[in-house]
C-alpha atoms as a PDB file:
ATOM      1  CA  MET A   1       0.000   0.000   0.000  1.00  0.00           C
ATOM      2  CA  GLU A   2       1.462   3.360  -0.968  1.00  0.00           C
ATOM      3  CA  PHE A   3       2.057   6.146   1.548  1.00  0.00           C
ATOM      4  CA  PHE A   4      -0.841   8.414   0.503  1.00  0.00           C
ATOM      5  CA  SER A   5      -3.243   5.480   0.504  1.00  0.00           C
ATOM      6  CA  ILE A   6      -2.230   4.737   4.093  1.00  0.00           C
ATOM      7  CA  LEU A   7      -3.012   8.356   5.051  1.00  0.00           C
ATOM      8  CA  ASN A   8      -6.377   8.249   3.247  1.00  0.00           C
ATOM      9  CA  ASN A   9      -7.291   5.024   5.038  1.00  0.00           C
ATOM     10  CA  ALA A  10      -6.192   6.453   8.386  1.00  0.00           C
ATOM     11  CA  GLY A  11      -8.620   9.354   7.933  1.00  0.00           C
ATOM     12  CA  ALA A  12     -11.389   6.963   6.929  1.00  0.00           C
ATOM     13  CA  LEU A  13     -10.643   4.705   9.914  1.00  0.00           C
ATOM     14  CA  ILE A  14     -10.872   7.673  12.284  1.00  0.00           C
ATOM     15  CA  THR A  15     -14.197   8.606  10.675  1.00  0.00           C
ATOM     16  CA  THR A  16     -15.459   5.035  11.015  1.00  0.00           C
ATOM     17  CA  GLY A  17     -14.229   4.784  14.610  1.00  0.00           C
ATOM     18  CA  LEU A  18     -15.995   7.987  15.599  1.00  0.00           C
ATOM     19  CA  GLY A  19     -19.109   6.633  13.898  1.00  0.00           C
ATOM     20  CA  LEU A  20     -18.869   3.452  15.946  1.00  0.00           C
ATOM     21  CA  MET A  21     -18.596   5.543  19.080  1.00  0.00           C
ATOM     22  CA  GLY A  22     -21.765   7.408  18.077  1.00  0.00           C
ATOM     23  CA  LEU A  23     -23.583   4.141  17.386  1.00  0.00           C
ATOM     24  CA  MET A  24     -22.456   2.200  20.430  1.00  0.00           C
ATOM     25  CA  ARG A  25     -21.865   4.944  23.000  1.00  0.00           C
ATOM     26  CA  PRO A  26     -24.103   7.886  22.098  1.00  0.00           C
ATOM     27  CA  THR A  27     -23.679   9.490  25.519  1.00  0.00           C
ATOM     28  CA  ALA A  28     -19.889   9.543  25.055  1.00  0.00           C
ATOM     29  CA  ALA A  29     -20.311  10.943  21.538  1.00  0.00           C
ATOM     30  CA  ALA A  30     -22.656  13.636  22.856  1.00  0.00           C
ATOM     31  CA  SER A  31     -20.132  14.573  25.544  1.00  0.00           C
ATOM     32  CA  PHE A  32     -17.298  14.600  22.971  1.00  0.00           C
ATOM     33  CA  THR A  33     -19.281  17.054  20.835  1.00  0.00           C
ATOM     34  CA  SER A  34     -20.623  19.116  23.773  1.00  0.00           C
ATOM     35  CA  LEU A  35     -24.218  18.223  22.943  1.00  0.00           C
ATOM     36  CA  GLU A  36     -27.023  17.194  25.272  1.00  0.00           C
ATOM     37  CA  PRO A  37     -29.538  14.838  23.700  1.00  0.00           C
ATOM     38  CA  LEU A  38     -33.093  15.449  24.892  1.00  0.00           C
ATOM     39  CA  GLY A  39     -34.766  12.129  25.671  1.00  0.00           C
ATOM     40  CA  THR A  40     -34.706   9.017  23.540  1.00  0.00           C
ATOM     41  CA  ILE A  41     -35.231  11.003  20.322  1.00  0.00           C
ATOM     42  CA  GLY A  42     -32.100  13.006  21.106  1.00  0.00           C
ATOM     43  CA  VAL A  43     -30.138   9.807  21.696  1.00  0.00           C
ATOM     44  CA  SER A  44     -31.492   8.457  18.386  1.00  0.00           C
ATOM     45  CA  GLU A  45     -30.257  11.604  16.659  1.00  0.00           C
ATOM     46  CA  ILE A  46     -26.757  11.125  18.076  1.00  0.00           C
ATOM     47  CA  ARG A  47     -26.772   7.472  16.953  1.00  0.00           C
ATOM     48  CA  ALA A  48     -28.002   8.432  13.483  1.00  0.00           C
ATOM     49  CA  THR A  49     -25.910  11.519  12.780  1.00  0.00           C
ATOM     50  CA  TYR A  50     -22.719  10.965  14.744  1.00  0.00           C
ATOM     51  CA  GLY A  51     -23.027   7.190  14.507  1.00  0.00           C
ATOM     52  CA  GLY A  52     -24.540   5.789  11.359  1.00  0.00           C
ATOM     53  CA  PHE A  53     -23.678   8.713   9.109  1.00  0.00           C
ATOM     54  CA  PHE A  54     -20.007   8.866  10.080  1.00  0.00           C
ATOM     55  CA  PHE A  55     -19.668   5.085  10.133  1.00  0.00           C
ATOM     56  CA  ALA A  56     -21.145   4.744   6.633  1.00  0.00           C
ATOM     57  CA  LEU A  57     -18.964   7.526   5.214  1.00  0.00           C
ATOM     58  CA  GLY A  58     -15.741   6.065   6.542  1.00  0.00           C
ATOM     59  CA  ALA A  59     -16.625   2.432   5.893  1.00  0.00           C
ATOM     60  CA  TYR A  60     -17.621   3.103   2.286  1.00  0.00           C
ATOM     61  CA  ALA A  61     -14.331   4.857   1.576  1.00  0.00           C
ATOM     62  CA  ILE A  62     -12.387   1.953   3.122  1.00  0.00           C
ATOM     63  CA  TRP A  63     -14.446  -0.674   1.313  1.00  0.00           C
ATOM     64  CA  THR A  64     -14.276   0.892  -2.162  1.00  0.00           C
ATOM     65  CA  GLN A  65     -10.823   2.467  -1.916  1.00  0.00           C
ATOM     66  CA  SER A  66     -12.272   5.049  -4.287  1.00  0.00           C
ATOM     67  CA  PRO A  67     -10.365   8.343  -4.558  1.00  0.00           C
ATOM     68  CA  VAL A  68     -13.729  10.069  -5.021  1.00  0.00           C
ATOM     69  CA  ALA A  69     -15.093   8.526  -1.807  1.00  0.00           C
ATOM     70  CA  PHE A  70     -12.000   9.626   0.141  1.00  0.00           C
ATOM     71  CA  ALA A  71     -12.351  13.116  -1.365  1.00  0.00           C
ATOM     72  CA  VAL A  72     -16.039  13.409  -0.413  1.00  0.00           C
ATOM     73  CA  VAL A  73     -15.344  12.368   3.183  1.00  0.00           C
ATOM     74  CA  GLY A  74     -12.360  14.730   3.312  1.00  0.00           C
ATOM     75  CA  LEU A  75     -14.408  17.636   2.001  1.00  0.00           C
ATOM     76  CA  ALA A  76     -17.095  16.896   4.596  1.00  0.00           C
ATOM     77  CA  TRP A  77     -14.486  17.150   7.361  1.00  0.00           C
ATOM     78  CA  LEU A  78     -13.141  20.388   5.889  1.00  0.00           C
ATOM     79  CA  GLY A  79     -16.714  21.694   5.712  1.00  0.00           C
ATOM     80  CA  ALA A  80     -17.053  21.033   9.437  1.00  0.00           C
ATOM     81  CA  ALA A  81     -13.804  22.940  10.053  1.00  0.00           C
ATOM     82  CA  VAL A  82     -15.088  25.864   7.972  1.00  0.00           C
ATOM     83  CA  GLY A  83     -18.311  25.858  10.004  1.00  0.00           C
ATOM     84  CA  ARG A  84     -16.244  26.161  13.171  1.00  0.00           C
ATOM     85  CA  ILE A  85     -14.178  28.972  11.671  1.00  0.00           C
ATOM     86  CA  VAL A  86     -17.388  30.835  10.889  1.00  0.00           C
ATOM     87  CA  SER A  87     -18.462  30.244  14.505  1.00  0.00           C
ATOM     88  CA  VAL A  88     -15.185  31.731  15.775  1.00  0.00           C
ATOM     89  CA  PHE A  89     -15.977  35.002  14.019  1.00  0.00           C
ATOM     90  CA  VAL A  90     -19.784  35.149  14.099  1.00  0.00           C
ATOM     91  CA  ASP A  91     -20.379  33.601  17.533  1.00  0.00           C
ATOM     92  CA  ARG A  92     -17.031  34.678  19.007  1.00  0.00           C
ATOM     93  CA  SER A  93     -16.544  31.048  20.042  1.00  0.00           C
ATOM     94  CA  THR A  94     -12.813  31.034  20.654  1.00  0.00           C
ATOM     95  CA  SER A  95     -12.726  28.285  23.249  1.00  0.00           C
ATOM     96  CA  LEU A  96      -9.797  25.897  23.209  1.00  0.00           C
ATOM     97  CA  LYS A  97     -12.184  23.043  22.371  1.00  0.00           C
ATOM     98  CA  ASN A  98     -13.489  24.908  19.320  1.00  0.00           C
ATOM     99  CA  ILE A  99     -10.002  25.832  18.079  1.00  0.00           C
ATOM    100  CA  GLY A 100      -8.915  22.239  18.678  1.00  0.00           C
ATOM    101  CA  GLY A 101     -11.947  21.091  16.694  1.00  0.00           C
ATOM    102  CA  ILE A 102     -10.824  23.203  13.734  1.00  0.00           C
ATOM    103  CA  ALA A 103      -7.374  21.605  13.869  1.00  0.00           C
ATOM    104  CA  PHE A 104      -8.793  18.070  14.342  1.00  0.00           C
ATOM    105  CA  GLU A 105     -11.333  18.336  11.536  1.00  0.00           C
ATOM    106  CA  GLY A 106      -8.842  20.030   9.247  1.00  0.00           C
ATOM    107  CA  ALA A 107      -6.249  17.336   9.903  1.00  0.00           C
ATOM    108  CA  ILE A 108      -8.670  14.492   9.188  1.00  0.00           C
ATOM    109  CA  GLY A 109      -9.841  16.275   6.052  1.00  0.00           C
ATOM    110  CA  ALA A 110      -6.229  16.636   4.944  1.00  0.00           C
ATOM    111  CA  LEU A 111      -5.530  12.932   5.561  1.00  0.00           C
ATOM    112  CA  LEU A 112      -8.457  12.029   3.348  1.00  0.00           C
ATOM    113  CA  LEU A 113      -7.622  14.514   0.569  1.00  0.00           C
ATOM    114  CA  ILE A 114      -3.876  14.030   0.353  1.00  0.00           C
ATOM    115  CA  SER A 115      -2.785  12.109  -2.719  1.00  0.00           C
END
């Protein structure tokens, strides 16, 4: 396996792993993202969005080894980082966790886009 492929797969594995956390441990995923699910519907939303969605994105990229799949997942992560950057300026949300989120999401996006 070539070097860039290893990096792409690492980003997809992180995505899949975070999805598994959302599916299997929604309370931990909610805490990780600073969200509070309201009732069972809120827990379902964490399982669906932070669980199933992330798991499917990462797993599909790993399964197909498609450069397009890796690129889509990478762009999604970069989109999340851009959303946080907007929040820094619009919401004045300059907490260490938010800045760290920008770096984390940007790094995973880069892993998935590098080729």
